[in-house]
């Protein structure tokens, strides 16, 4: 371990434990990397279960649970909404509105946090609490995870570097879903709203090369860097030769739900007709979308404490997502474990940024309705599958090593003053 150098505060309002999706997996990979490189890492997050809180506490230098850990009362500049009585009134009104099945008045949110609009993914208590922690701790940098946490940077003292780890470009979610004929459920931003939130930061972190270019066009006066998903490879989880297991791992997210539904409708019956002993194992919160449903040869496991045994047992991993944004972290992790991967073009989006990368691709890319054929081939020919596994492991170990992925971000943190917006 290096001596502590920079103090970095992460602000996050998503579930961090158990790890149920690519977002939380990415956050922990970045936290681990920065701590390994000598940064003192603090984290502001929502209250989890008692057990989960202890796990999270063990992964950082200091955990700050929203409104649980006391922070000295420090007046914040330009914010009239930090009075505890106002917080209490706001919280009660919001609770009453929710119980009545209505949204809390937008003016209430504006008064408390200065937000120009209401978005259900923005957790206002965390934003307000994080502002207090920032002014008390005075870290070298604050990393807001997802755009939902951007407003914690609004009152940032001038010498602290503000960073947004975007994870994806939010306003593209509905656009790409519509192109696939799907209505995207959930909180959405317009392009203009997203730009306003992004401009709270000095530095924007893109997770995928194409989105880096989009963010640069959206915010030309901000420094945009690329940091994909870094992971210490080292476990080549080769399946038994006689494995007939196909694995899908996914969070409860519209593209995952749609992709799995289309696979079960169009590809799985064809595969099962050819290989009746094949089985499909589904892990992750995506299982909740199929609760009560039964499909021949399909096992819904839900969130599991450790994915490695499931990866090891799987002959092939699939990612049939038909649309989406950002980097598909579950595809990256499958390759890092040395698994044969069959995916849609969207499922490998951003994995092969150069023509040389694409030519050396260890993945089988297929339309969802055509996936049965390559899956049958890989199930029946273990030697071909092993060659694909070896290529996947070698490719991912070099392409997604933590130093290769996070090196530019580390450089930015070490030279924070050079990246502050004037």
Protein backbone atom coordinates (compact mmCIF):
# COMPACT_ATOMS: atom_id res chain seq x y z
CA UNK A 1 0.00 0.00 0.00
CA UNK A 2 1.25 3.45 -0.91
CA UNK A 3 1.26 6.26 1.66
CA UNK A 4 -1.99 8.21 1.58
CA UNK A 5 -1.81 11.13 -0.83
CA UNK A 6 -5.14 12.52 -2.06
CA UNK A 7 -8.44 12.49 -0.21
CA UNK A 8 -11.30 11.56 -2.53
CA UNK A 9 -14.98 11.64 -1.53
CA UNK A 10 -17.44 9.50 -3.49
CA UNK A 11 -21.13 10.48 -3.40
CA UNK A 12 -23.59 7.79 -4.39
CA UNK A 13 -27.31 7.14 -3.89
CA UNK A 14 -27.60 3.72 -5.59
CA UNK A 15 -27.50 0.36 -3.84
CA UNK A 16 -23.88 -0.69 -3.34
CA UNK A 17 -24.26 -4.01 -1.53
CA UNK A 18 -25.07 -6.61 -2.53
CA UNK A 19 -23.62 -5.78 -5.94
CA UNK A 20 -26.61 -6.23 -8.23
CA UNK A 21 -25.58 -4.43 -11.40
CA UNK A 22 -22.77 -3.02 -13.47
CA UNK A 23 -23.01 0.41 -11.85
CA UNK A 24 -22.17 -0.74 -8.34
CA UNK A 25 -19.51 -3.13 -9.69
CA UNK A 26 -17.85 -0.22 -11.47
CA UNK A 27 -17.93 2.00 -8.37
CA UNK A 28 -16.22 -0.64 -6.23
CA UNK A 29 -13.60 -1.32 -8.90
CA UNK A 30 -12.73 2.38 -8.95
CA UNK A 31 -12.71 2.67 -5.15
CA UNK A 32 -10.40 -0.34 -4.87
CA UNK A 33 -8.04 1.06 -7.49
CA UNK A 34 -7.74 4.52 -5.92
CA UNK A 35 -7.14 3.09 -2.46
CA UNK A 36 -4.51 0.75 -3.86
CA UNK A 37 -2.79 3.76 -5.44
CA UNK A 38 -2.67 5.60 -2.14
CA UNK A 39 -5.80 7.76 -2.06
CA UNK A 40 -7.78 8.11 1.14
CA UNK A 41 -11.32 7.26 0.05
CA UNK A 42 -14.45 8.47 1.82
CA UNK A 43 -17.98 7.55 0.75
CA UNK A 44 -21.37 9.19 1.23
CA UNK A 45 -24.19 6.74 0.54
CA UNK A 46 -27.71 5.85 1.61
CA UNK A 47 -28.45 3.65 4.60
CA UNK A 48 -28.37 -0.04 3.65
CA UNK A 49 -29.08 -2.99 5.93
CA UNK A 50 -26.92 -3.30 9.05
CA UNK A 51 -24.98 -6.15 7.49
CA UNK A 52 -24.50 -4.31 4.19
CA UNK A 53 -23.37 -1.15 6.00
CA UNK A 54 -20.61 -3.13 7.70
CA UNK A 55 -19.44 -4.63 4.40
CA UNK A 56 -19.37 -1.17 2.80
CA UNK A 57 -17.59 0.32 5.82
CA UNK A 58 -14.83 -2.22 5.39
CA UNK A 59 -14.21 -1.17 1.79
CA UNK A 60 -13.47 2.53 2.38
CA UNK A 61 -11.39 4.66 4.74
CA UNK A 62 -14.48 6.41 6.09
CA UNK A 63 -18.17 5.80 5.46
CA UNK A 64 -20.71 8.59 5.81
CA UNK A 65 -24.27 7.25 5.86
CA UNK A 66 -26.82 9.87 4.86
CA UNK A 67 -28.25 11.55 7.96
CA UNK A 68 -26.85 8.78 10.20
CA UNK A 69 -23.30 9.92 10.87
CA UNK A 70 -23.15 13.32 12.53
CA UNK A 71 -21.44 16.16 10.66
CA UNK A 72 -20.64 19.47 12.38
CA UNK A 73 -23.15 22.12 11.30
CA UNK A 74 -21.37 24.34 8.79
CA UNK A 75 -23.25 27.11 6.94
CA UNK A 76 -23.09 26.47 3.24
CA UNK A 77 -22.59 29.38 0.82
CA UNK A 78 -25.53 30.42 -1.30
CA UNK A 79 -27.91 27.83 0.14
CA UNK A 80 -30.88 28.94 2.18
CA UNK A 81 -32.21 25.40 2.27
CA UNK A 82 -29.85 23.94 4.84
CA UNK A 83 -31.90 24.76 7.90
CA UNK A 84 -32.78 21.55 9.80
CA UNK A 85 -36.36 22.70 10.42
CA UNK A 86 -36.86 23.21 6.69
CA UNK A 87 -35.43 19.73 6.10
CA UNK A 88 -37.92 18.25 8.56
CA UNK A 89 -40.88 20.05 7.00
CA UNK A 90 -39.76 19.02 3.54
CA UNK A 91 -39.33 15.37 4.51
CA UNK A 92 -42.79 15.23 6.08
CA UNK A 93 -44.46 16.81 3.06
CA UNK A 94 -42.63 14.51 0.67
CA UNK A 95 -43.67 11.48 2.76
CA UNK A 96 -47.32 12.58 2.84
CA UNK A 97 -47.31 13.17 -0.91
CA UNK A 98 -45.86 9.72 -1.60
CA UNK A 99 -48.38 7.99 0.67
CA UNK A 100 -51.13 9.83 -1.23
CA UNK A 101 -49.72 8.57 -4.51
CA UNK A 102 -48.66 12.03 -5.62
CA UNK A 103 -45.41 13.78 -6.35
CA UNK A 104 -44.20 16.34 -3.87
CA UNK A 105 -44.55 19.91 -5.15
CA UNK A 106 -41.61 20.89 -7.32
CA UNK A 107 -41.30 24.24 -5.54
CA UNK A 108 -40.58 22.38 -2.29
CA UNK A 109 -37.61 20.59 -3.83
CA UNK A 110 -36.39 23.82 -5.39
CA UNK A 111 -36.53 25.60 -2.06
CA UNK A 112 -34.57 22.95 -0.23
CA UNK A 113 -31.87 22.07 -2.74
CA UNK A 114 -32.05 24.62 -5.50
CA UNK A 115 -32.92 22.00 -8.09
CA UNK A 116 -34.50 23.35 -11.29
CA UNK A 117 -36.70 20.25 -11.70
CA UNK A 118 -37.70 17.04 -9.96
CA UNK A 119 -36.20 13.72 -10.96
CA UNK A 120 -37.13 10.65 -8.96
CA UNK A 121 -33.57 9.30 -9.13
CA UNK A 122 -32.17 12.37 -7.38
CA UNK A 123 -32.05 11.57 -3.67
CA UNK A 124 -32.25 14.99 -2.07
CA UNK A 125 -31.29 13.94 1.48
CA UNK A 126 -28.05 12.50 0.11
CA UNK A 127 -27.32 15.66 -1.92
CA UNK A 128 -27.82 17.91 1.10
CA UNK A 129 -25.92 15.64 3.47
CA UNK A 130 -23.04 15.29 1.01
CA UNK A 131 -22.70 19.08 0.80
CA UNK A 132 -22.21 19.21 4.55
CA UNK A 133 -19.64 16.41 4.48
CA UNK A 134 -17.75 18.14 1.66
CA UNK A 135 -17.44 21.39 3.57
CA UNK A 136 -16.42 19.59 6.73
CA UNK A 137 -13.95 17.17 5.14
CA UNK A 138 -12.54 19.49 2.43
CA UNK A 139 -11.29 16.62 0.23
CA UNK A 140 -9.05 17.10 -2.78
CA UNK A 141 -11.77 15.81 -5.09
CA UNK A 142 -15.43 14.78 -5.05
CA UNK A 143 -16.67 12.09 -7.44
CA UNK A 144 -20.44 12.18 -7.95
CA UNK A 145 -21.57 8.74 -9.11
CA UNK A 146 -24.15 9.06 -11.88
CA UNK A 147 -25.66 12.38 -12.89
CA UNK A 148 -28.22 11.98 -10.09
CA UNK A 149 -25.60 13.08 -7.56
CA UNK A 150 -24.36 16.07 -9.59
CA UNK A 151 -25.95 18.72 -7.37
CA UNK A 152 -23.71 17.83 -4.45
CA UNK A 153 -21.03 19.71 -6.44
CA UNK A 154 -23.07 22.91 -6.66
CA UNK A 155 -21.63 24.54 -3.54
CA UNK A 156 -18.14 23.12 -3.99
CA UNK A 157 -15.36 25.28 -2.55
CA UNK A 158 -13.11 26.62 -5.28
CA UNK A 159 -10.09 24.47 -4.51
CA UNK A 160 -11.92 21.11 -4.61
CA UNK A 161 -12.09 19.27 -7.93
CA UNK A 162 -15.61 18.21 -8.91
CA UNK A 163 -15.98 15.06 -11.01
CA UNK A 164 -19.05 13.29 -12.38
CA UNK A 165 -18.66 9.60 -13.20
CA UNK A 166 -21.45 9.54 -15.77
CA UNK A 167 -21.86 5.77 -16.34
CA UNK A 168 -23.85 6.63 -19.47
CA UNK A 169 -25.44 9.51 -21.38
CA UNK A 170 -28.88 9.75 -19.84
CA UNK A 171 -30.84 11.57 -22.53
CA UNK A 172 -29.94 8.85 -25.04
CA UNK A 173 -31.81 6.20 -23.06
CA UNK A 174 -35.28 6.99 -24.40
CA UNK A 175 -33.94 7.85 -27.84
CA UNK A 176 -32.35 4.44 -28.26
CA UNK A 177 -35.25 2.63 -26.64
CA UNK A 178 -37.67 4.33 -29.05
CA UNK A 179 -35.51 3.28 -31.99
CA UNK A 180 -35.97 -0.31 -30.75
CA UNK A 181 -39.74 0.19 -30.41
CA UNK A 182 -39.68 0.23 -26.61
CA UNK A 183 -40.89 2.80 -24.08
CA UNK A 184 -38.22 3.41 -21.47
CA UNK A 185 -39.64 3.51 -17.94
CA UNK A 186 -38.07 5.63 -15.23
CA UNK A 187 -36.59 9.04 -14.65
CA UNK A 188 -35.31 10.71 -17.81
CA UNK A 189 -33.39 13.85 -18.65
CA UNK A 190 -33.66 15.98 -21.75
CA UNK A 191 -30.38 16.86 -23.44
CA UNK A 192 -30.61 20.41 -22.06
CA UNK A 193 -31.30 19.21 -18.52
CA UNK A 194 -28.43 16.77 -18.68
CA UNK A 195 -26.03 19.48 -19.86
CA UNK A 196 -27.06 21.69 -16.94
CA UNK A 197 -26.33 18.89 -14.48
CA UNK A 198 -23.04 17.94 -16.13
CA UNK A 199 -21.83 21.52 -15.89
CA UNK A 200 -21.80 21.24 -12.10
CA UNK A 201 -18.49 19.37 -12.52
CA UNK A 202 -14.98 20.33 -13.62
CA UNK A 203 -14.27 16.90 -15.10
CA UNK A 204 -16.61 14.38 -16.71
CA UNK A 205 -15.80 10.67 -16.86
CA UNK A 206 -17.15 8.74 -19.85
CA UNK A 207 -17.41 4.97 -19.66
CA UNK A 208 -17.26 4.34 -23.39
CA UNK A 209 -15.40 5.95 -26.29
CA UNK A 210 -18.45 6.92 -28.32
CA UNK A 211 -20.03 8.56 -25.28
CA UNK A 212 -16.81 10.47 -24.59
CA UNK A 213 -17.25 12.20 -27.95
CA UNK A 214 -20.91 12.92 -27.17
CA UNK A 215 -20.06 14.43 -23.77
CA UNK A 216 -17.34 16.58 -25.35
CA UNK A 217 -19.91 17.97 -27.79
CA UNK A 218 -22.42 18.57 -24.98
CA UNK A 219 -19.91 20.30 -22.66
CA UNK A 220 -17.04 21.67 -24.79
CA UNK A 221 -15.69 23.72 -21.88
CA UNK A 222 -15.34 20.74 -19.57
CA UNK A 223 -12.51 18.22 -19.45
CA UNK A 224 -13.86 14.82 -20.52
CA UNK A 225 -11.81 11.69 -19.90
CA UNK A 226 -12.39 8.02 -20.67
CA UNK A 227 -12.40 5.42 -17.88
CA UNK A 228 -14.08 2.16 -18.78
CA UNK A 229 -14.33 -0.77 -16.37
CA UNK A 230 -11.05 -1.91 -14.84
CA UNK A 231 -10.77 -5.27 -13.19
CA UNK A 232 -7.87 -7.33 -11.92
CA UNK A 233 -8.06 -10.43 -14.07
CA UNK A 234 -6.55 -13.59 -12.74
CA UNK A 235 -9.22 -16.29 -12.56
CA UNK A 236 -9.71 -18.25 -15.73
CA UNK A 237 -13.01 -19.96 -14.94
CA UNK A 238 -13.03 -22.69 -17.54
CA UNK A 239 -16.22 -24.75 -17.71
CA UNK A 240 -16.25 -28.56 -17.73
CA UNK A 241 -16.19 -30.02 -21.25
CA UNK A 242 -19.64 -31.52 -20.79
CA UNK A 243 -21.27 -28.30 -19.54
CA UNK A 244 -24.55 -27.48 -21.25
CA UNK A 245 -25.20 -24.36 -19.19
CA UNK A 246 -25.84 -20.94 -20.71
CA UNK A 247 -25.57 -18.02 -18.27
CA UNK A 248 -27.12 -14.55 -18.30
CA UNK A 249 -26.32 -11.98 -15.61
CA UNK A 250 -28.30 -8.75 -15.47
CA UNK A 251 -29.77 -6.02 -13.31
CA UNK A 252 -33.44 -5.01 -13.28
CA UNK A 253 -33.08 -2.66 -16.24
CA UNK A 254 -35.34 -2.28 -19.27
CA UNK A 255 -32.77 -3.33 -21.93
CA UNK A 256 -31.95 -6.47 -19.91
CA UNK A 257 -35.63 -7.34 -19.49
CA UNK A 258 -36.41 -6.83 -23.17
CA UNK A 259 -33.34 -8.75 -24.30
CA UNK A 260 -34.05 -11.75 -22.09
CA UNK A 261 -37.74 -11.80 -23.10
CA UNK A 262 -36.79 -11.80 -26.80
CA UNK A 263 -34.18 -14.52 -26.24
CA UNK A 264 -36.68 -16.73 -24.40
CA UNK A 265 -39.23 -16.23 -27.17
CA UNK A 266 -37.05 -16.54 -30.29
CA UNK A 267 -33.80 -18.36 -29.52
CA UNK A 268 -34.19 -20.57 -26.45
CA UNK A 269 -36.92 -22.85 -27.87
CA UNK A 270 -34.76 -23.51 -30.95
CA UNK A 271 -31.71 -24.30 -28.82
CA UNK A 272 -33.72 -26.53 -26.48
CA UNK A 273 -35.20 -28.45 -29.40
CA UNK A 274 -31.68 -29.23 -30.58
CA UNK A 275 -30.21 -29.93 -27.12
CA UNK A 276 -32.93 -30.91 -24.63
CA UNK A 277 -30.34 -31.19 -21.83
CA UNK A 278 -29.28 -27.53 -22.16
CA UNK A 279 -30.17 -25.17 -19.35
CA UNK A 280 -30.27 -21.41 -19.01
CA UNK A 281 -29.32 -19.88 -15.66
CA UNK A 282 -30.31 -16.26 -15.00
CA UNK A 283 -28.66 -14.34 -12.15
CA UNK A 284 -29.33 -10.82 -10.91
CA UNK A 285 -32.30 -8.58 -10.26
CA UNK A 286 -33.54 -9.02 -13.83
CA UNK A 287 -35.15 -12.20 -12.48
CA UNK A 288 -37.72 -10.02 -10.69
CA UNK A 289 -39.25 -9.09 -14.06
CA UNK A 290 -40.00 -12.79 -14.69
CA UNK A 291 -41.34 -13.63 -11.25
CA UNK A 292 -43.97 -16.37 -11.42
CA UNK A 293 -43.08 -17.30 -14.99
CA UNK A 294 -41.78 -20.71 -15.95
CA UNK A 295 -39.78 -21.70 -19.03
CA UNK A 296 -38.45 -25.19 -19.85
CA UNK A 297 -34.81 -25.57 -18.84
CA UNK A 298 -34.60 -22.09 -17.30
CA UNK A 299 -33.54 -21.38 -13.72
CA UNK A 300 -33.96 -17.90 -12.21
CA UNK A 301 -31.47 -17.52 -9.34
CA UNK A 302 -31.90 -13.83 -8.51
CA UNK A 303 -29.07 -11.96 -6.77
CA UNK A 304 -26.36 -14.39 -5.67
CA UNK A 305 -23.58 -13.66 -3.14
CA UNK A 306 -20.82 -14.78 -5.51
CA UNK A 307 -21.07 -15.04 -9.29
CA UNK A 308 -17.83 -16.98 -9.75
CA UNK A 309 -19.32 -20.48 -9.29
CA UNK A 310 -21.98 -19.66 -11.83
CA UNK A 311 -19.44 -18.34 -14.33
CA UNK A 312 -17.27 -21.42 -13.78
CA UNK A 313 -20.16 -23.80 -14.49
CA UNK A 314 -21.32 -21.95 -17.62
CA UNK A 315 -20.21 -23.15 -21.04
CA UNK A 316 -21.34 -19.88 -22.62
CA UNK A 317 -22.41 -16.45 -21.35
CA UNK A 318 -24.96 -14.40 -23.30
CA UNK A 319 -25.80 -10.71 -23.42
CA UNK A 320 -28.86 -10.29 -25.65
CA UNK A 321 -29.52 -6.62 -24.86
CA UNK A 322 -31.24 -5.02 -27.89
CA UNK A 323 -30.55 -1.36 -27.03
CA UNK A 324 -28.88 0.73 -24.38
CA UNK A 325 -26.21 3.21 -23.41
CA UNK A 326 -22.81 3.00 -21.76
CA UNK A 327 -20.42 0.08 -21.53
CA UNK A 328 -21.92 -3.35 -20.87
CA UNK A 329 -19.98 -4.23 -17.75
CA UNK A 330 -21.35 -7.77 -17.55
CA UNK A 331 -19.86 -8.43 -21.00
CA UNK A 332 -16.52 -7.12 -19.76
CA UNK A 333 -16.65 -9.32 -16.66
CA UNK A 334 -17.53 -12.42 -18.71
CA UNK A 335 -14.42 -11.87 -20.84
CA UNK A 336 -12.28 -11.19 -17.76
CA UNK A 337 -13.28 -14.59 -16.39
CA UNK A 338 -12.31 -16.16 -19.71
CA UNK A 339 -15.83 -17.04 -20.84
CA UNK A 340 -17.14 -17.62 -24.34
CA UNK A 341 -19.54 -14.71 -24.95
CA UNK A 342 -22.41 -14.56 -27.44
CA UNK A 343 -23.91 -11.08 -27.58
CA UNK A 344 -25.75 -8.57 -29.71
CA UNK A 345 -23.88 -5.64 -31.24
CA UNK A 346 -25.18 -3.48 -28.39
CA UNK A 347 -23.98 -6.09 -25.90
CA UNK A 348 -20.37 -5.49 -26.98
CA UNK A 349 -20.73 -1.75 -27.55
CA UNK A 350 -17.45 0.03 -26.77
CA UNK A 351 -15.43 -3.15 -26.25
CA UNK A 352 -13.59 -2.92 -29.55
CA UNK A 353 -12.86 0.76 -30.32
CA UNK A 354 -10.30 0.13 -33.06
CA UNK A 355 -10.41 -1.98 -36.20
CA UNK A 356 -7.56 -4.08 -34.79
CA UNK A 357 -9.59 -4.75 -31.63
CA UNK A 358 -12.62 -5.70 -33.71
CA UNK A 359 -10.54 -8.06 -35.87
CA UNK A 360 -9.23 -9.79 -32.73
CA UNK A 361 -12.65 -9.94 -31.06
CA UNK A 362 -13.08 -13.05 -28.91
CA UNK A 363 -16.87 -12.62 -28.95
CA UNK A 364 -19.57 -14.09 -31.16
CA UNK A 365 -21.88 -11.26 -32.25
CA UNK A 366 -25.37 -12.27 -33.28
CA UNK A 367 -28.90 -10.97 -33.57
CA UNK A 368 -31.06 -12.31 -30.74
CA UNK A 369 -33.23 -14.44 -33.02
CA UNK A 370 -30.11 -16.08 -34.51
CA UNK A 371 -28.32 -16.89 -31.24
CA UNK A 372 -29.35 -20.55 -31.10
CA UNK A 373 -26.95 -21.59 -33.87
CA UNK A 374 -23.69 -20.24 -32.36
CA UNK A 375 -24.77 -21.44 -28.91
CA UNK A 376 -25.38 -24.97 -30.19
CA UNK A 377 -22.00 -24.96 -31.90
CA UNK A 378 -20.16 -23.85 -28.77
CA UNK A 379 -22.02 -26.32 -26.56
CA UNK A 380 -21.16 -29.18 -28.92
CA UNK A 381 -17.54 -28.29 -29.62
CA UNK A 382 -15.61 -27.77 -26.36
CA UNK A 383 -12.26 -27.37 -28.16
CA UNK A 384 -13.60 -24.45 -30.21
CA UNK A 385 -15.09 -23.04 -27.02
CA UNK A 386 -11.78 -23.35 -25.16
CA UNK A 387 -9.97 -21.43 -27.89
CA UNK A 388 -12.55 -18.65 -27.62
CA UNK A 389 -12.15 -18.68 -23.83
CA UNK A 390 -8.36 -18.34 -24.05
CA UNK A 391 -8.67 -15.43 -26.47
CA UNK A 392 -11.29 -13.75 -24.26
CA UNK A 393 -9.11 -14.03 -21.16
CA UNK A 394 -5.99 -12.72 -22.91
CA UNK A 395 -7.83 -9.86 -24.60
CA UNK A 396 -9.64 -8.68 -21.47
CA UNK A 397 -6.58 -8.93 -19.20
CA UNK A 398 -4.74 -6.43 -21.41
CA UNK A 399 -7.66 -4.26 -22.53
CA UNK A 400 -9.27 -3.77 -19.12
CA UNK A 401 -6.39 -3.83 -16.66
CA UNK A 402 -6.99 -1.20 -13.95
CA UNK A 403 -3.88 0.79 -14.84
CA UNK A 404 -4.90 0.94 -18.50
CA UNK A 405 -8.46 1.94 -17.66
CA UNK A 406 -8.05 4.33 -14.72
CA UNK A 407 -4.60 5.79 -15.42
CA UNK A 408 -5.92 9.03 -16.92
CA UNK A 409 -8.31 9.59 -14.01
CA UNK A 410 -5.49 8.99 -11.54
CA UNK A 411 -3.40 11.60 -13.38
CA UNK A 412 -6.27 14.09 -13.17
CA UNK A 413 -6.59 13.55 -9.41
CA UNK A 414 -2.84 13.98 -8.91
CA UNK A 415 -2.94 17.28 -10.81
CA UNK A 416 -6.34 18.50 -9.63
CA UNK A 417 -5.61 22.24 -9.76
CA UNK A 418 -4.82 22.04 -13.49
CA UNK A 419 -8.31 20.72 -14.21
CA UNK A 420 -10.42 23.20 -12.25
CA UNK A 421 -12.79 25.26 -14.39
CA UNK A 422 -12.05 28.97 -14.15
